[in-house]
């Protein structure tokens, strides 16, 4: 399952049978995971800002933004 159901220009054949709606448990888990990643990203940014010129701070920035973007895609798919 992805955020985009069909590539541009390709439509589904026939009438739509209905809309997909995920169950409440996975939706709640996706919201929780996104909130935790947002909190972890803010914490990682604050730690990296204090020691900006040390080795490895770039990995804190990039790694936390990557995890946040993956959690955002998960939230978009489940909502």
N, C-alpha and C. Protein backbone atom coordinates (compact mmCIF):
# COMPACT_ATOMS: atom_id res chain seq x y z
N UNK A 1 0.84 -1.16 0.00
CA UNK A 1 0.00 0.00 0.00
C UNK A 1 0.89 1.23 0.00
N UNK A 2 0.51 2.20 -0.76
CA UNK A 2 1.31 3.43 -0.82
C UNK A 2 0.38 4.63 -0.70
N UNK A 3 0.98 5.80 -0.64
CA UNK A 3 0.20 7.02 -0.53
C UNK A 3 -0.56 7.28 -1.82
N UNK A 4 0.05 6.96 -2.95
CA UNK A 4 -0.59 7.14 -4.26
C UNK A 4 -1.05 5.78 -4.75
N UNK A 5 -2.33 5.67 -5.09
CA UNK A 5 -2.88 4.37 -5.46
C UNK A 5 -2.56 3.98 -6.90
N UNK A 6 -2.58 4.91 -7.83
CA UNK A 6 -2.35 4.59 -9.23
C UNK A 6 -1.40 5.63 -9.83
N UNK A 7 -0.59 5.21 -10.79
CA UNK A 7 0.28 6.18 -11.44
C UNK A 7 -0.53 7.21 -12.22
N UNK A 8 0.03 8.39 -12.45
CA UNK A 8 -0.72 9.40 -13.20
C UNK A 8 -1.06 8.92 -14.60
N UNK A 9 -2.25 9.19 -15.03
CA UNK A 9 -2.70 8.79 -16.36
C UNK A 9 -3.35 7.43 -16.42
N UNK A 10 -3.17 6.60 -15.43
CA UNK A 10 -3.80 5.28 -15.40
C UNK A 10 -4.95 5.30 -14.40
N UNK A 11 -6.13 5.09 -14.87
CA UNK A 11 -7.29 5.05 -13.99
C UNK A 11 -7.67 3.60 -13.74
N UNK A 12 -8.43 3.40 -12.69
CA UNK A 12 -8.93 2.06 -12.41
C UNK A 12 -10.09 1.75 -13.35
N UNK A 13 -10.15 0.52 -13.78
CA UNK A 13 -11.23 0.12 -14.68
C UNK A 13 -12.52 -0.07 -13.90
N UNK A 14 -13.58 0.49 -14.39
CA UNK A 14 -14.88 0.31 -13.75
C UNK A 14 -15.13 1.29 -12.63
N UNK A 15 -16.30 1.21 -12.03
CA UNK A 15 -16.64 2.13 -10.93
C UNK A 15 -15.89 1.76 -9.65
N UNK A 16 -15.70 2.75 -8.84
CA UNK A 16 -15.01 2.51 -7.56
C UNK A 16 -15.92 1.72 -6.63
N UNK A 17 -15.37 0.70 -6.01
CA UNK A 17 -16.15 -0.17 -5.15
C UNK A 17 -16.32 0.43 -3.76
N UNK A 18 -15.44 1.32 -3.37
CA UNK A 18 -15.51 1.91 -2.04
C UNK A 18 -14.19 2.55 -1.68
N UNK A 19 -14.12 3.07 -0.51
CA UNK A 19 -12.91 3.71 -0.04
C UNK A 19 -12.25 2.85 1.02
N UNK A 20 -10.92 2.92 1.05
CA UNK A 20 -10.18 2.18 2.05
C UNK A 20 -10.13 3.00 3.34
N UNK A 21 -10.37 2.36 4.44
CA UNK A 21 -10.23 3.00 5.75
C UNK A 21 -9.58 1.98 6.67
N UNK A 22 -8.43 2.34 7.21
CA UNK A 22 -7.73 1.39 8.07
C UNK A 22 -8.43 1.30 9.42
N UNK A 23 -8.12 0.24 10.13
CA UNK A 23 -8.74 0.03 11.43
C UNK A 23 -8.22 1.04 12.45
N UNK A 24 -8.92 1.25 13.54
CA UNK A 24 -8.50 2.26 14.52
C UNK A 24 -7.16 1.97 15.19
N UNK A 25 -6.84 0.70 15.40
CA UNK A 25 -5.58 0.36 16.06
C UNK A 25 -4.35 0.82 15.29
N UNK A 26 -4.24 0.48 13.99
CA UNK A 26 -3.09 0.96 13.21
C UNK A 26 -3.06 2.48 13.06
N UNK A 27 -4.23 3.11 12.96
CA UNK A 27 -4.25 4.59 12.88
C UNK A 27 -3.71 5.20 14.16
N UNK A 28 -4.12 4.66 15.29
CA UNK A 28 -3.65 5.17 16.58
C UNK A 28 -2.14 4.93 16.73
N UNK A 29 -1.67 3.78 16.29
CA UNK A 29 -0.24 3.47 16.35
C UNK A 29 0.57 4.40 15.43
N UNK A 30 0.05 4.72 14.26
CA UNK A 30 0.74 5.62 13.34
C UNK A 30 0.82 7.03 13.93
N UNK A 31 -0.25 7.48 14.56
CA UNK A 31 -0.22 8.81 15.21
C UNK A 31 0.77 8.84 16.36
N UNK A 32 0.81 7.77 17.14
CA UNK A 32 1.75 7.69 18.25
C UNK A 32 3.19 7.65 17.76
N UNK A 33 3.45 6.87 16.71
CA UNK A 33 4.81 6.78 16.16
C UNK A 33 5.25 8.12 15.59
N UNK A 34 4.35 8.83 14.93
CA UNK A 34 4.70 10.14 14.39
C UNK A 34 4.99 11.13 15.51
N UNK A 35 4.19 11.10 16.57
CA UNK A 35 4.42 12.01 17.70
C UNK A 35 5.75 11.70 18.38
N UNK A 36 6.08 10.42 18.54
CA UNK A 36 7.36 10.06 19.15
C UNK A 36 8.53 10.47 18.27
N UNK A 37 8.41 10.29 16.96
CA UNK A 37 9.48 10.71 16.05
C UNK A 37 9.63 12.23 16.05
N UNK A 38 8.53 12.96 16.16
CA UNK A 38 8.60 14.41 16.23
C UNK A 38 9.32 14.85 17.50
N UNK A 39 9.01 14.21 18.61
CA UNK A 39 9.68 14.51 19.87
C UNK A 39 11.17 14.14 19.81
N UNK A 40 11.48 12.99 19.24
CA UNK A 40 12.88 12.56 19.12
C UNK A 40 13.66 13.47 18.18
N UNK A 41 13.02 13.95 17.12
CA UNK A 41 13.69 14.87 16.20
C UNK A 41 14.00 16.18 16.88
N UNK A 42 13.07 16.69 17.66
CA UNK A 42 13.33 17.94 18.39
C UNK A 42 14.47 17.75 19.40
N UNK A 43 14.49 16.63 20.07
CA UNK A 43 15.56 16.35 21.01
C UNK A 43 16.91 16.21 20.31
N UNK A 44 16.93 15.51 19.18
CA UNK A 44 18.17 15.34 18.43
C UNK A 44 18.67 16.67 17.88
N UNK A 45 17.76 17.52 17.43
CA UNK A 45 18.17 18.84 16.93
C UNK A 45 18.75 19.69 18.05
N UNK A 46 18.15 19.62 19.24
CA UNK A 46 18.67 20.42 20.34
C UNK A 46 20.04 19.91 20.79
N UNK A 47 20.23 18.58 20.79
CA UNK A 47 21.55 18.04 21.14
C UNK A 47 22.59 18.37 20.08
N UNK A 48 22.21 18.30 18.82
CA UNK A 48 23.16 18.57 17.75
C UNK A 48 23.49 20.07 17.66
N UNK A 49 22.56 20.93 18.03
CA UNK A 49 22.82 22.36 17.97
C UNK A 49 23.84 22.78 19.02
N UNK A 50 23.87 22.10 20.15
CA UNK A 50 24.84 22.43 21.19
C UNK A 50 26.25 22.04 20.79
N UNK A 51 26.39 20.96 20.04
CA UNK A 51 27.70 20.46 19.63
C UNK A 51 27.77 20.43 18.10
N UNK A 52 27.52 21.57 17.49
CA UNK A 52 27.33 21.64 16.05
C UNK A 52 28.57 21.25 15.26
N UNK A 53 29.74 21.57 15.74
CA UNK A 53 30.96 21.33 14.96
C UNK A 53 31.66 20.03 15.32
N UNK A 54 31.04 19.17 16.07
CA UNK A 54 31.65 17.88 16.37
C UNK A 54 31.31 16.87 15.29
N UNK A 55 32.11 15.82 15.25
CA UNK A 55 31.89 14.77 14.26
C UNK A 55 30.63 13.99 14.63
N UNK A 56 29.78 13.75 13.66
CA UNK A 56 28.57 12.95 13.88
C UNK A 56 27.30 13.75 14.04
N UNK A 57 27.40 15.07 14.15
CA UNK A 57 26.15 15.84 14.31
C UNK A 57 25.34 15.86 13.03
N UNK A 58 26.01 15.75 11.89
CA UNK A 58 25.28 15.69 10.62
C UNK A 58 24.41 14.45 10.58
N UNK A 59 24.90 13.36 11.13
CA UNK A 59 24.12 12.12 11.17
C UNK A 59 22.89 12.28 12.05
N UNK A 60 23.00 13.07 13.11
CA UNK A 60 21.82 13.33 13.95
C UNK A 60 20.75 14.07 13.16
N UNK A 61 21.17 15.09 12.40
CA UNK A 61 20.20 15.84 11.61
C UNK A 61 19.56 14.96 10.54
N UNK A 62 20.38 14.29 9.77
CA UNK A 62 19.87 13.50 8.65
C UNK A 62 19.07 12.29 9.13
N UNK A 63 19.57 11.60 10.12
CA UNK A 63 18.88 10.41 10.62
C UNK A 63 17.52 10.73 11.23
N UNK A 64 17.47 11.81 12.00
CA UNK A 64 16.18 12.16 12.61
C UNK A 64 15.18 12.65 11.58
N UNK A 65 15.63 13.39 10.58
CA UNK A 65 14.70 13.83 9.53
C UNK A 65 14.22 12.66 8.68
N UNK A 66 15.09 11.69 8.45
CA UNK A 66 14.68 10.50 7.71
C UNK A 66 13.61 9.72 8.47
N UNK A 67 13.83 9.51 9.75
CA UNK A 67 12.84 8.79 10.56
C UNK A 67 11.52 9.55 10.63
N UNK A 68 11.60 10.87 10.73
CA UNK A 68 10.38 11.68 10.77
C UNK A 68 9.62 11.59 9.45
N UNK A 69 10.34 11.60 8.33
CA UNK A 69 9.66 11.51 7.04
C UNK A 69 9.02 10.13 6.84
N UNK A 70 9.66 9.07 7.31
CA UNK A 70 9.06 7.73 7.20
C UNK A 70 7.81 7.62 8.09
N UNK A 71 7.85 8.23 9.26
CA UNK A 71 6.68 8.22 10.13
C UNK A 71 5.55 9.05 9.53
N UNK A 72 5.91 10.13 8.82
CA UNK A 72 4.88 10.95 8.16
C UNK A 72 4.22 10.18 7.02
N UNK A 73 4.98 9.41 6.28
CA UNK A 73 4.39 8.58 5.21
C UNK A 73 3.47 7.52 5.82
N UNK A 74 3.90 6.91 6.90
CA UNK A 74 3.06 5.92 7.58
C UNK A 74 1.76 6.53 8.08
N UNK A 75 1.86 7.74 8.61
CA UNK A 75 0.65 8.45 9.07
C UNK A 75 -0.26 8.80 7.91
N UNK A 76 0.32 9.22 6.79
CA UNK A 76 -0.50 9.55 5.62
C UNK A 76 -1.20 8.33 5.05
N UNK A 77 -0.54 7.19 5.07
CA UNK A 77 -1.15 5.98 4.54
C UNK A 77 -2.28 5.50 5.45
N UNK A 78 -2.09 5.62 6.73
CA UNK A 78 -3.08 5.10 7.68
C UNK A 78 -4.22 6.05 7.98
N UNK A 79 -4.12 7.30 7.56
CA UNK A 79 -5.24 8.21 7.85
C UNK A 79 -6.11 8.45 6.64
